[in-house]
Amino acid sequence: MKTPPTDHLPDDISALKQQLLAQHQLLEEKNNQLKNKEQLINQKQSRIQFLEEQIILFKQRQFGKSSEKSDQQVELFDEVECEADASAVDTAESIDAESLHSELPLAETPKPVKKTSGRKPLPAELPRVRIEHDLPLADKICACGCAKKHIGEDTSEQLDIIPAVVQVLVHARQKYVCEACESGVQMAALPTQPIPKSNASPGLLAHIAVAKYQDGLPLYRMETIFKHMGIHLPRNTLANWMMKSSELLQPLYNLLNDQLLESGYIHMDETRVQVLKEPDKTTESLSYMWVRKTGDREHPIILFDYASRRRTDVARSLLGDYQGYLQTDDYIGYHRIGQQKGIVALACMAHARRKFIDAQKVSPSPKGKVSKADMAVTMIKGLYVIEAAIKDQPAEQKYQIRQEKSLPQLNKLRAWLDKALQQTLPKGKTGEALAYLDKNWDKLTVYLTDGRLHIDNNPVENAIRPFAIGRKNWLFSDSQRGAKASAMMYSLIETAKANDLEPYAYLRRVFAQLPLCETVEDIEKLLPENMKAAVI
């Protein structure tokens, strides 16, 4: 190795030190620049990974299946993961549904339903019209000359539909006058109508409400359908009828709201809605439809409320002085409410699982390998197997089985989570899913403390689905008044359905009888829960 030339080095020791110090500072600057470049490269790589994951998720949501079932869900784990966590197999111990059923009391074990093949029979309650088909008289004589004997018949059924019958109700009010004293004309009173001075009957109003808010049929399409029948009903007239009908339903909504706030267990969620004419907002901006549902399956109430914002104060105003369990997603607006005295916050296990499923979608495991997302999904699946097996059990039985089965499974999931957090970078979908599960752990496990509670917030998300489907058809509300009318109609229709009432028959009776109610007791009789046993 050649010795570098020293001619440029000064002979003075002080000058030599200064030169050495300058070179050292220059080297430090170069190292810092390299570090900054490495950090910049890492940031760019993280950003690229994030954007790639977003693109994969966007394509999946846009073109893939909406189901959360994943091909990556597995029950066994390979040696690579086991080396990183020796207890991984024990931690992810799956629970078989058949073994769980076998441990339940024999009297409570649900019997498997035998699936039948072929065409399902038509409902027995539908009216039947008998159409007889007989042989011609000539064919009833045999070739030997004897008359053939009738030995029975063979029947088959066809489903027939008669288009809606449209009729006009003519209210004939008889008039009387006294010819002797000429005191004036006396006429029979017209019963109070749902919409005064309107030609809309309770049946027509119920039909329009169900067609739009249950079947998702926009008013402009209904206008066309009526036109085919030779009836002129402009969409603005239909919209005005729905808004006035919703105002009529306000007393029923108030009673339902009081019962919901007294229930002690509420699911809550919100979804977007577009309202064209809103003060201080552009046409493209979004508003929200808030949904609350009672957790008690025996007394289901589902209420929709429109609000122009998605903020904590909206949720707080809807809950008022409520005390009890509140199950929501991880929207920050619910956090402060969950910290209030008298409220016990529950999180949604379905949301936690959904984040791991997203991680599976953006980073599928190679064949024969198992990722942390696969492990998490499998362990959470074990919890849902337990819930599926006990869904029809009484609350006390649910509590007992959860303590015996769900609690050990959750303890294993927690032990695995603590180790996975140390082995996984926080960035990326898997890291985000692990962090979400860790942050919400306490609220995710509250359901173990009471057999009435649900493992997730799916009951209210399922209640939102009819609104979301209808929104794809009618797209937006024209005004705030229209959005509030929609909230009222959805509240009554979905609550009626939850109480096993046919919406059209229920609304028709409500529109006919509610204008005649004079006391709170009269209105209470029209609540869905009180009309279950009524003959409609």
Protein backbone atom coordinates (compact mmCIF):
# COMPACT_ATOMS: atom_id res chain seq x y z
CA MET A 1 0.00 0.00 0.00
CA LYS A 2 1.47 3.35 -1.05
CA THR A 3 1.91 6.08 1.53
CA PRO A 4 -0.15 9.18 0.59
CA PRO A 5 1.92 12.34 -0.13
CA THR A 6 2.44 14.68 2.82
CA ASP A 7 3.74 17.75 0.97
CA HIS A 8 0.42 19.56 1.44
CA LEU A 9 0.37 19.05 5.20
CA PRO A 10 1.59 21.99 7.29
CA ASP A 11 4.53 21.53 9.64
CA ASP A 12 2.92 23.60 12.37
CA ILE A 13 1.03 21.39 14.86
CA SER A 14 -1.74 23.93 15.46
CA ALA A 15 -2.33 24.36 11.76
CA LEU A 16 -2.31 20.59 11.35
CA LYS A 17 -4.94 20.23 14.08
CA GLN A 18 -7.13 22.87 12.47
CA GLN A 19 -6.87 21.11 9.10
CA LEU A 20 -7.70 17.78 10.72
CA LEU A 21 -10.68 19.34 12.50
CA ALA A 22 -11.92 20.85 9.25
CA GLN A 23 -11.69 17.49 7.50
CA HIS A 24 -13.56 15.86 10.39
CA GLN A 25 -16.35 18.44 10.14
CA LEU A 26 -16.51 17.92 6.38
CA LEU A 27 -16.80 14.17 6.95
CA GLU A 28 -19.60 14.70 9.48
CA GLU A 29 -21.48 16.87 7.01
CA LYS A 30 -21.14 14.18 4.33
CA ASN A 31 -22.40 11.53 6.77
CA ASN A 32 -25.37 13.71 7.72
CA GLN A 33 -26.19 14.24 4.08
CA LEU A 34 -26.09 10.47 3.51
CA LYS A 35 -28.34 9.93 6.52
CA ASN A 36 -30.77 12.54 5.25
CA LYS A 37 -30.77 10.88 1.83
CA GLU A 38 -31.44 7.49 3.44
CA GLN A 39 -34.29 8.94 5.49
CA LEU A 40 -35.69 10.58 2.38
CA ILE A 41 -35.44 7.30 0.48
CA ASN A 42 -37.14 5.45 3.34
CA GLN A 43 -39.90 8.05 3.46
CA LYS A 44 -40.40 7.75 -0.28
CA GLN A 45 -40.46 3.98 -0.07
CA SER A 46 -43.02 4.13 2.76
CA ARG A 47 -45.09 6.57 0.75
CA ILE A 48 -44.90 4.34 -2.32
CA GLN A 49 -45.93 1.32 -0.24
CA PHE A 50 -48.84 3.27 1.25
CA LEU A 51 -50.04 4.41 -2.19
CA GLU A 52 -49.68 0.91 -3.64
CA GLU A 53 -51.78 -0.48 -0.77
CA GLN A 54 -54.41 2.21 -1.35
CA ILE A 55 -54.56 1.34 -5.05
CA ILE A 56 -54.98 -2.36 -4.28
CA LEU A 57 -57.76 -1.63 -1.77
CA PHE A 58 -59.46 0.76 -4.19
CA LYS A 59 -59.46 -1.85 -6.96
CA GLN A 60 -60.73 -4.47 -4.54
CA ARG A 61 -63.59 -2.27 -3.31
CA GLN A 62 -64.45 -1.10 -6.82
CA PHE A 63 -64.23 -4.37 -8.71
CA GLY A 64 -63.84 -7.15 -6.12
CA LYS A 65 -66.32 -8.96 -3.93
CA SER A 66 -67.83 -6.97 -1.07
CA SER A 67 -67.79 -9.98 1.25
CA GLU A 68 -65.26 -9.95 4.06
CA LYS A 69 -64.59 -13.65 3.61
CA SER A 70 -60.97 -14.20 2.70
CA ASP A 71 -59.15 -17.01 1.00
CA GLN A 72 -56.24 -16.23 3.31
CA GLN A 73 -58.09 -17.47 6.39
CA VAL A 74 -56.28 -20.57 7.61
CA GLU A 75 -56.15 -22.70 10.70
CA LEU A 76 -52.49 -23.82 10.80
CA PHE A 77 -49.28 -21.81 10.85
CA ASP A 78 -45.91 -22.59 9.25
CA GLU A 79 -42.55 -23.04 10.93
CA VAL A 80 -41.30 -19.54 10.05
CA GLU A 81 -43.98 -17.89 12.16
CA CYS A 82 -43.62 -20.51 14.87
CA GLU A 83 -39.91 -19.76 15.20
CA ALA A 84 -40.73 -16.10 15.72
CA ASP A 85 -43.37 -17.02 18.26
CA ALA A 86 -43.11 -20.47 19.76
CA SER A 87 -46.66 -20.31 21.09
CA ALA A 88 -48.25 -19.20 17.84
CA VAL A 89 -50.14 -22.43 17.25
CA ASP A 90 -51.50 -22.48 20.79
CA THR A 91 -52.34 -18.79 20.57
CA ALA A 92 -54.33 -19.24 17.39
CA GLU A 93 -56.18 -22.32 18.57
CA SER A 94 -59.36 -22.47 16.53
CA ILE A 95 -62.73 -23.49 17.97
CA ASP A 96 -64.77 -25.93 15.96
CA ALA A 97 -68.49 -25.23 15.84
CA GLU A 98 -69.48 -28.88 16.18
CA SER A 99 -67.32 -29.37 19.28
CA LEU A 100 -68.81 -26.24 20.82
CA HIS A 101 -72.36 -27.42 20.15
CA SER A 102 -71.53 -30.78 21.68
CA GLU A 103 -70.55 -29.10 24.94
CA LEU A 104 -73.87 -27.25 25.23
CA PRO A 105 -76.75 -28.93 27.07
CA LEU A 106 -78.51 -31.46 24.84
CA ALA A 107 -81.86 -29.68 25.16
CA GLU A 108 -80.32 -26.47 23.86
CA THR A 109 -78.29 -27.94 20.99
CA PRO A 110 -79.83 -26.65 17.75
CA LYS A 111 -80.87 -29.38 15.34
CA PRO A 112 -79.34 -29.20 11.86
CA VAL A 113 -81.80 -28.02 9.23
CA LYS A 114 -82.18 -30.45 6.38
CA LYS A 115 -81.85 -28.69 3.06
CA THR A 116 -84.46 -29.54 0.47
CA SER A 117 -83.85 -29.43 -3.23
CA GLY A 118 -86.22 -28.35 -5.97
CA ARG A 119 -88.72 -25.54 -6.24
CA LYS A 120 -90.07 -24.07 -3.01
CA PRO A 121 -93.86 -24.25 -2.53
CA LEU A 122 -95.85 -21.08 -2.97
CA PRO A 123 -97.07 -19.41 0.26
CA ALA A 124 -100.17 -21.13 1.62
CA GLU A 125 -101.79 -17.83 2.63
CA LEU A 126 -102.10 -16.65 -0.98
CA PRO A 127 -105.60 -17.00 -2.44
CA ARG A 128 -106.08 -19.88 -4.90
CA VAL A 129 -108.12 -19.72 -8.12
CA ARG A 130 -109.12 -23.17 -9.30
CA ILE A 131 -108.99 -23.77 -13.06
CA GLU A 132 -110.27 -27.20 -14.09
CA HIS A 133 -109.08 -28.98 -17.23
CA ASP A 134 -111.21 -31.96 -18.32
CA LEU A 135 -111.17 -34.40 -21.20
CA PRO A 136 -113.57 -33.87 -24.11
CA LEU A 137 -116.69 -36.04 -23.90
CA ALA A 138 -115.49 -38.18 -26.79
CA ASP A 139 -112.24 -39.01 -24.98
CA LYS A 140 -114.14 -40.16 -21.88
CA ILE A 141 -115.37 -43.21 -23.85
CA CYS A 142 -112.88 -46.04 -24.11
CA ALA A 143 -112.15 -47.77 -27.43
CA CYS A 144 -113.95 -50.86 -26.06
CA GLY A 145 -117.14 -48.82 -25.70
CA CYS A 146 -117.14 -48.48 -21.89
CA ALA A 147 -117.24 -45.10 -20.07
CA LYS A 148 -113.96 -44.26 -18.33
CA LYS A 149 -114.11 -43.92 -14.51
CA HIS A 150 -112.84 -40.72 -12.84
CA ILE A 151 -110.10 -41.71 -10.36
CA GLY A 152 -108.69 -38.39 -9.20
CA GLU A 153 -106.79 -35.36 -10.43
CA ASP A 154 -103.29 -34.00 -10.76
CA THR A 155 -102.62 -30.39 -9.72
CA SER A 156 -99.85 -27.92 -10.39
CA GLU A 157 -99.53 -24.29 -9.31
CA GLN A 158 -98.53 -21.12 -11.14
CA LEU A 159 -97.90 -17.74 -9.56
CA ASP A 160 -100.06 -15.00 -11.05
CA ILE A 161 -99.94 -11.25 -10.43
CA ILE A 162 -102.70 -8.72 -11.01
CA PRO A 163 -101.40 -5.13 -11.35
CA ALA A 164 -102.14 -2.70 -8.52
CA VAL A 165 -105.80 -1.78 -8.27
CA VAL A 166 -106.27 1.98 -8.27
CA GLN A 167 -109.60 3.26 -7.02
CA VAL A 168 -111.19 6.55 -6.03
CA LEU A 169 -112.71 6.88 -2.56
CA VAL A 170 -115.83 9.03 -2.83
CA HIS A 171 -116.77 10.56 0.52
CA ALA A 172 -120.52 11.24 0.31
CA ARG A 173 -121.50 13.54 3.20
CA GLN A 174 -125.24 13.60 3.66
CA LYS A 175 -126.86 17.00 4.19
CA TYR A 176 -130.03 17.80 6.16
CA VAL A 177 -132.16 20.88 6.60
CA CYS A 178 -135.23 21.73 8.68
CA GLU A 179 -138.00 22.99 6.39
CA ALA A 180 -140.05 24.36 9.27
CA CYS A 181 -137.62 26.74 10.96
CA GLU A 182 -134.98 27.10 8.27
CA SER A 183 -132.18 26.83 10.88
CA GLY A 184 -129.60 25.99 8.24
CA VAL A 185 -127.99 22.99 6.59
CA GLN A 186 -126.39 20.29 8.71
CA MET A 187 -123.88 17.93 7.09
CA ALA A 188 -122.06 14.82 8.31
CA ALA A 189 -118.47 15.54 9.37
CA LEU A 190 -115.60 14.29 7.27
CA PRO A 191 -113.14 12.17 9.31
CA THR A 192 -109.83 13.88 10.01
CA GLN A 193 -107.43 13.14 7.14
CA PRO A 194 -103.65 12.60 7.35
CA ILE A 195 -103.11 15.60 5.08
CA PRO A 196 -106.03 18.07 5.27
CA LYS A 197 -107.49 19.33 1.97
CA SER A 198 -105.52 16.69 0.06
CA ASN A 199 -106.81 13.93 -2.22
CA ALA A 200 -104.21 11.48 -0.85
CA SER A 201 -105.68 8.60 1.12
CA PRO A 202 -103.79 6.74 3.90
CA GLY A 203 -103.27 3.83 1.50
CA LEU A 204 -101.73 6.05 -1.19
CA LEU A 205 -99.40 7.75 1.29
CA ALA A 206 -98.30 4.36 2.65
CA HIS A 207 -97.70 3.08 -0.89
CA ILE A 208 -95.51 6.05 -1.83
CA ALA A 209 -93.54 5.87 1.43
CA VAL A 210 -92.84 2.14 1.11
CA ALA A 211 -91.99 2.41 -2.59
CA LYS A 212 -89.35 5.08 -1.96
CA TYR A 213 -87.96 4.31 1.49
CA GLN A 214 -88.12 0.52 1.46
CA ASP A 215 -87.93 -0.35 -2.23
CA GLY A 216 -85.64 2.55 -3.21
CA LEU A 217 -87.90 3.85 -6.01
CA PRO A 218 -87.24 7.55 -6.76
CA LEU A 219 -90.20 9.88 -6.96
CA TYR A 220 -89.63 10.71 -10.62
CA ARG A 221 -90.04 7.01 -11.47
CA MET A 222 -93.24 6.86 -9.43
CA GLU A 223 -94.49 9.89 -11.37
CA THR A 224 -93.93 7.92 -14.59
CA ILE A 225 -95.66 4.82 -13.22
CA PHE A 226 -98.72 6.84 -12.22
CA LYS A 227 -98.69 8.44 -15.65
CA HIS A 228 -98.96 4.97 -17.22
CA MET A 229 -102.14 4.51 -15.17
CA GLY A 230 -103.53 7.79 -16.50
CA ILE A 231 -103.00 9.61 -13.18
CA HIS A 232 -101.24 12.97 -13.00
CA LEU A 233 -99.15 13.14 -9.82
CA PRO A 234 -96.07 15.39 -10.22
CA ARG A 235 -93.01 14.51 -8.19
CA ASN A 236 -93.12 17.81 -6.29
CA THR A 237 -96.61 16.84 -5.09
CA LEU A 238 -95.33 13.43 -4.00
CA ALA A 239 -92.40 15.05 -2.19
CA ASN A 240 -94.69 17.50 -0.42
CA TRP A 241 -96.95 14.65 0.70
CA MET A 242 -93.97 12.77 2.17
CA MET A 243 -92.79 15.83 4.11
CA LYS A 244 -96.26 16.48 5.54
CA SER A 245 -96.67 12.79 6.37
CA SER A 246 -93.38 12.83 8.27
CA GLU A 247 -94.63 15.75 10.35
CA LEU A 248 -97.72 13.69 11.20
CA LEU A 249 -95.47 10.87 12.45
CA GLN A 250 -93.52 13.09 14.87
CA PRO A 251 -95.46 12.02 18.02
CA LEU A 252 -94.72 8.36 17.29
CA TYR A 253 -91.04 9.16 16.77
CA ASN A 254 -90.92 11.04 20.09
CA LEU A 255 -92.29 8.03 21.99
CA LEU A 256 -89.85 5.68 20.24
CA ASN A 257 -86.97 8.03 21.07
CA ASP A 258 -87.93 8.07 24.76
CA GLN A 259 -88.02 4.26 24.84
CA LEU A 260 -84.67 4.01 23.07
CA LEU A 261 -82.96 6.36 25.56
CA GLU A 262 -84.39 4.31 28.44
CA SER A 263 -83.26 0.97 26.97
CA GLY A 264 -79.77 0.95 28.55
CA TYR A 265 -78.04 -0.40 25.42
CA ILE A 266 -77.68 1.52 22.14
CA HIS A 267 -75.83 0.86 18.88
CA MET A 268 -74.90 4.03 17.00
CA ASP A 269 -73.43 4.80 13.58
CA GLU A 270 -73.69 7.35 10.80
CA THR A 271 -73.57 7.40 7.00
CA ARG A 272 -73.25 10.14 4.41
CA VAL A 273 -76.10 11.81 2.54
CA GLN A 274 -76.04 14.63 0.02
CA VAL A 275 -78.45 17.56 0.41
CA LEU A 276 -78.49 20.06 -2.42
CA LYS A 277 -79.97 23.11 -0.70
CA GLU A 278 -78.19 23.69 2.60
CA PRO A 279 -77.26 27.05 4.10
CA ASP A 280 -73.54 27.92 3.94
CA LYS A 281 -72.66 24.69 2.15
CA THR A 282 -71.90 23.83 -1.47
CA THR A 283 -74.00 21.39 -3.44
CA GLU A 284 -71.17 18.83 -3.47
CA SER A 285 -70.63 18.82 0.30
CA LEU A 286 -71.82 15.91 2.40
CA SER A 287 -74.22 15.75 5.31
CA TYR A 288 -74.91 12.75 7.53
CA MET A 289 -77.71 10.43 8.53
CA TRP A 290 -77.20 9.25 12.12
CA VAL A 291 -78.69 5.91 13.13
CA ARG A 292 -79.40 4.54 16.61
CA LYS A 293 -80.68 1.08 17.44
CA THR A 294 -81.59 -0.62 20.69
CA GLY A 295 -79.40 -3.59 21.58
CA ASP A 296 -82.34 -5.48 23.08
CA ARG A 297 -83.63 -7.96 20.51
CA GLU A 298 -86.99 -8.23 22.26
CA HIS A 299 -87.72 -4.50 21.91
CA PRO A 300 -86.13 -3.35 18.62
CA ILE A 301 -86.19 0.37 17.82
CA ILE A 302 -84.29 1.92 14.90
CA LEU A 303 -84.16 5.71 14.58
CA PHE A 304 -82.65 7.83 11.80
CA ASP A 305 -81.71 11.49 12.29
CA TYR A 306 -80.41 13.97 9.75
CA ALA A 307 -77.59 16.40 10.59
CA SER A 308 -75.56 18.70 8.38
CA ARG A 309 -72.32 17.84 10.21
CA ARG A 310 -70.47 14.86 11.62
CA ARG A 311 -69.44 16.16 15.02
CA THR A 312 -69.44 15.18 18.67
CA ASP A 313 -72.12 17.69 19.58
CA VAL A 314 -74.54 16.02 17.13
CA ALA A 315 -74.07 12.63 18.78
CA ARG A 316 -74.34 14.21 22.22
CA SER A 317 -77.61 15.95 21.32
CA LEU A 318 -79.07 12.67 20.07
CA LEU A 319 -78.15 10.84 23.27
CA GLY A 320 -79.16 13.56 25.74
CA ASP A 321 -78.96 12.25 29.31
CA TYR A 322 -78.63 8.63 28.21
CA GLN A 323 -77.05 6.19 30.67
CA GLY A 324 -75.93 2.68 29.74
CA TYR A 325 -73.96 0.79 27.10
CA LEU A 326 -73.03 2.59 23.86
CA GLN A 327 -71.55 0.54 21.00
CA THR A 328 -69.94 2.43 18.12
CA ASP A 329 -67.03 2.34 15.71
CA ASP A 330 -63.76 4.18 16.38
CA TYR A 331 -64.91 7.58 15.11
CA ILE A 332 -63.29 10.16 17.40
CA GLY A 333 -66.61 11.95 17.90
CA TYR A 334 -67.79 9.08 20.09
CA HIS A 335 -64.68 9.03 22.30
CA ARG A 336 -65.68 11.96 24.51
CA ILE A 337 -69.19 10.61 24.91
CA GLY A 338 -67.81 7.23 25.93
CA GLN A 339 -65.84 8.93 28.70
CA GLN A 340 -68.94 10.50 30.26
CA LYS A 341 -70.13 9.24 33.61
CA GLY A 342 -72.79 6.56 33.32
CA ILE A 343 -71.85 5.48 29.77
CA VAL A 344 -69.93 2.27 29.06
CA ALA A 345 -68.34 2.34 25.61
CA LEU A 346 -68.11 -0.78 23.44
CA ALA A 347 -66.10 -1.11 20.22
CA CYS A 348 -66.78 -3.24 17.16
CA MET A 349 -64.85 -6.46 16.61
CA ALA A 350 -65.98 -6.50 12.97
CA HIS A 351 -64.04 -3.28 12.36
CA ALA A 352 -60.92 -4.81 13.91
CA ARG A 353 -61.27 -7.89 11.73
CA ARG A 354 -61.91 -5.75 8.64
CA LYS A 355 -58.54 -4.03 9.03
CA PHE A 356 -56.72 -7.36 9.07
CA ILE A 357 -58.68 -8.47 6.00
CA ASP A 358 -57.55 -5.27 4.24
CA ALA A 359 -53.97 -6.21 5.19
CA GLN A 360 -54.52 -9.64 3.62
CA LYS A 361 -55.76 -8.04 0.42
CA VAL A 362 -52.81 -5.67 -0.03
CA SER A 363 -50.18 -8.28 0.95
CA PRO A 364 -51.46 -11.79 0.17
CA SER A 365 -49.43 -14.56 1.79
CA PRO A 366 -47.40 -16.78 -0.53
CA LYS A 367 -48.73 -20.29 -0.87
CA GLY A 368 -47.82 -22.32 2.19
CA LYS A 369 -47.00 -19.23 4.26
CA VAL A 370 -49.04 -17.51 6.95
CA SER A 371 -48.88 -13.82 7.75
CA LYS A 372 -49.75 -12.05 10.97
CA ALA A 373 -52.94 -10.81 9.31
CA ASP A 374 -53.90 -14.44 8.58
CA MET A 375 -53.29 -15.37 12.20
CA ALA A 376 -55.35 -12.49 13.54
CA VAL A 377 -58.28 -13.21 11.22
CA THR A 378 -58.26 -16.87 12.25
CA MET A 379 -58.24 -16.09 15.96
CA ILE A 380 -61.05 -13.56 15.61
CA LYS A 381 -62.94 -16.12 13.54
CA GLY A 382 -62.82 -18.42 16.57
CA LEU A 383 -64.66 -15.78 18.60
CA TYR A 384 -67.36 -15.51 15.95
CA VAL A 385 -67.80 -19.29 15.85
CA ILE A 386 -68.68 -19.11 19.54
CA GLU A 387 -71.12 -16.24 18.95
CA ALA A 388 -72.83 -18.11 16.10
CA ALA A 389 -73.34 -21.13 18.34
CA ILE A 390 -74.94 -19.17 21.20
CA LYS A 391 -76.87 -16.49 19.29
CA ASP A 392 -80.26 -17.93 20.30
CA GLN A 393 -79.31 -18.62 23.92
CA PRO A 394 -80.65 -16.50 26.82
CA ALA A 395 -78.38 -13.77 28.19
CA GLU A 396 -77.37 -15.76 31.27
CA GLN A 397 -76.33 -18.74 29.17
CA LYS A 398 -74.40 -16.49 26.78
CA TYR A 399 -72.48 -14.93 29.65
CA GLN A 400 -71.52 -18.31 31.05
CA ILE A 401 -70.32 -19.74 27.72
CA ARG A 402 -68.36 -16.59 26.93
CA GLN A 403 -66.54 -16.87 30.23
CA GLU A 404 -65.71 -20.50 29.50
CA LYS A 405 -64.90 -20.23 25.80
CA SER A 406 -64.45 -16.64 24.62
CA LEU A 407 -62.34 -15.36 27.52
CA PRO A 408 -59.52 -17.95 27.03
CA GLN A 409 -59.55 -17.25 23.28
CA LEU A 410 -59.26 -13.51 23.91
CA ASN A 411 -56.40 -14.05 26.36
CA LYS A 412 -54.52 -15.96 23.68
CA LEU A 413 -55.24 -13.23 21.15
CA ARG A 414 -53.91 -10.62 23.61
CA ALA A 415 -50.70 -12.60 24.23
CA TRP A 416 -50.13 -12.96 20.50
CA LEU A 417 -50.89 -9.26 19.93
CA ASP A 418 -48.28 -8.12 22.46
CA LYS A 419 -45.57 -10.08 20.65
CA ALA A 420 -46.76 -9.12 17.17
CA LEU A 421 -46.62 -5.41 18.05
CA GLN A 422 -42.91 -5.76 18.85
CA GLN A 423 -42.16 -7.61 15.61
CA THR A 424 -44.14 -5.44 13.16
CA LEU A 425 -43.40 -1.97 11.83
CA PRO A 426 -46.21 0.47 12.66
CA LYS A 427 -46.53 1.59 9.04
CA GLY A 428 -48.44 -0.54 6.58
CA LYS A 429 -51.86 -2.15 6.79
CA THR A 430 -50.78 -4.92 9.15
CA GLY A 431 -49.19 -2.44 11.55
CA GLU A 432 -52.29 -0.26 11.43
CA ALA A 433 -54.54 -3.26 12.14
CA LEU A 434 -52.42 -4.34 15.10
CA ALA A 435 -52.40 -0.78 16.49
CA TYR A 436 -56.19 -0.52 16.09
CA LEU A 437 -56.72 -3.79 17.94
CA ASP A 438 -54.37 -2.71 20.73
CA LYS A 439 -55.86 0.77 21.11
CA ASN A 440 -59.45 -0.48 21.31
CA TRP A 441 -58.79 -3.67 23.27
CA ASP A 442 -60.62 -2.66 26.45
CA LYS A 443 -63.73 -1.58 24.54
CA LEU A 444 -63.60 -4.68 22.32
CA THR A 445 -63.77 -7.02 25.32
CA VAL A 446 -66.59 -5.33 27.27
CA TYR A 447 -69.12 -7.67 25.63
CA LEU A 448 -67.86 -10.46 27.90
CA THR A 449 -69.31 -8.73 30.96
CA ASP A 450 -72.99 -8.97 29.98
CA GLY A 451 -74.81 -11.63 27.99
CA ARG A 452 -77.07 -9.00 26.40
CA LEU A 453 -74.17 -7.33 24.59
CA HIS A 454 -73.04 -7.95 21.01
CA ILE A 455 -69.50 -8.65 19.87
CA ASP A 456 -69.76 -6.00 17.15
CA ASN A 457 -71.77 -3.06 15.88
CA ASN A 458 -73.25 -5.02 12.96
CA PRO A 459 -76.89 -4.69 14.14
CA VAL A 460 -76.91 -0.96 13.40
CA GLU A 461 -74.80 -1.35 10.26
CA ASN A 462 -77.39 -3.81 8.95
CA ALA A 463 -80.10 -1.26 9.79
CA ILE A 464 -78.28 1.33 7.65
CA ARG A 465 -78.14 -0.97 4.61
CA PRO A 466 -81.68 -0.20 3.29
CA PHE A 467 -80.84 3.50 3.40
CA ALA A 468 -77.56 2.92 1.55
CA ILE A 469 -79.32 0.89 -1.13
CA GLY A 470 -82.00 3.54 -1.56
CA ARG A 471 -79.35 6.27 -1.76
CA LYS A 472 -77.90 4.62 -4.87
CA ASN A 473 -81.25 5.14 -6.58
CA TRP A 474 -82.47 8.55 -5.43
CA LEU A 475 -78.88 9.89 -4.97
CA PHE A 476 -79.66 12.97 -2.86
CA SER A 477 -82.23 15.00 -0.93
CA ASP A 478 -83.23 18.34 -2.34
CA SER A 479 -83.59 20.20 0.96
CA GLN A 480 -83.02 19.82 4.68
CA ARG A 481 -86.76 19.38 5.16
CA GLY A 482 -86.70 16.51 2.69
CA ALA A 483 -83.74 14.88 4.46
CA LYS A 484 -85.55 15.11 7.81
CA ALA A 485 -88.66 13.59 6.23
CA SER A 486 -86.54 10.72 4.92
CA ALA A 487 -85.11 10.15 8.40
CA MET A 488 -88.62 9.99 9.86
CA MET A 489 -89.90 7.55 7.24
CA TYR A 490 -86.88 5.27 7.53
CA SER A 491 -87.30 5.26 11.32
CA LEU A 492 -90.90 4.06 11.22
CA ILE A 493 -90.42 1.59 8.35
CA GLU A 494 -87.28 -0.05 9.74
CA THR A 495 -88.71 -0.23 13.26
CA ALA A 496 -91.87 -1.83 11.88
CA LYS A 497 -89.80 -4.40 9.97
CA ALA A 498 -87.72 -5.14 13.07
CA ASN A 499 -90.99 -5.89 14.90
CA ASP A 500 -92.11 -8.28 12.12
CA LEU A 501 -94.76 -5.90 10.75
CA GLU A 502 -95.42 -5.49 7.04
CA PRO A 503 -94.50 -1.80 6.39
CA TYR A 504 -97.32 -0.94 3.98
CA ALA A 505 -100.05 -2.37 6.21
CA TYR A 506 -98.52 -0.71 9.28
CA LEU A 507 -98.18 2.76 7.72
CA ARG A 508 -101.65 2.58 6.19
CA ARG A 509 -103.15 1.95 9.59
CA VAL A 510 -101.01 4.65 11.23
CA PHE A 511 -101.93 7.27 8.62
CA ALA A 512 -105.61 6.41 9.07
CA GLN A 513 -105.71 6.37 12.87
CA LEU A 514 -103.02 8.82 14.01
CA PRO A 515 -105.05 11.93 12.99
CA LEU A 516 -107.84 10.64 15.26
CA CYS A 517 -105.63 10.21 18.35
CA GLU A 518 -106.40 12.59 21.22
CA THR A 519 -104.23 11.25 24.07
CA VAL A 520 -100.73 9.82 24.52
CA GLU A 521 -102.32 6.44 25.24
CA ASP A 522 -104.00 6.54 21.82
CA ILE A 523 -100.64 7.19 20.14
CA GLU A 524 -98.90 4.45 22.15
CA LYS A 525 -101.32 1.90 20.71
CA LEU A 526 -99.86 2.67 17.26
CA LEU A 527 -96.25 1.91 18.24
CA PRO A 528 -94.89 -1.07 16.25
CA GLU A 529 -94.29 -3.12 19.37
CA ASN A 530 -97.92 -2.68 20.49
CA MET A 531 -99.30 -3.58 17.08
CA LYS A 532 -97.58 -6.97 16.80
CA ALA A 533 -100.68 -8.81 17.93
CA ALA A 534 -103.10 -6.53 16.09
CA VAL A 535 -104.84 -7.82 13.00
CA ILE A 536 -103.88 -5.47 10.15
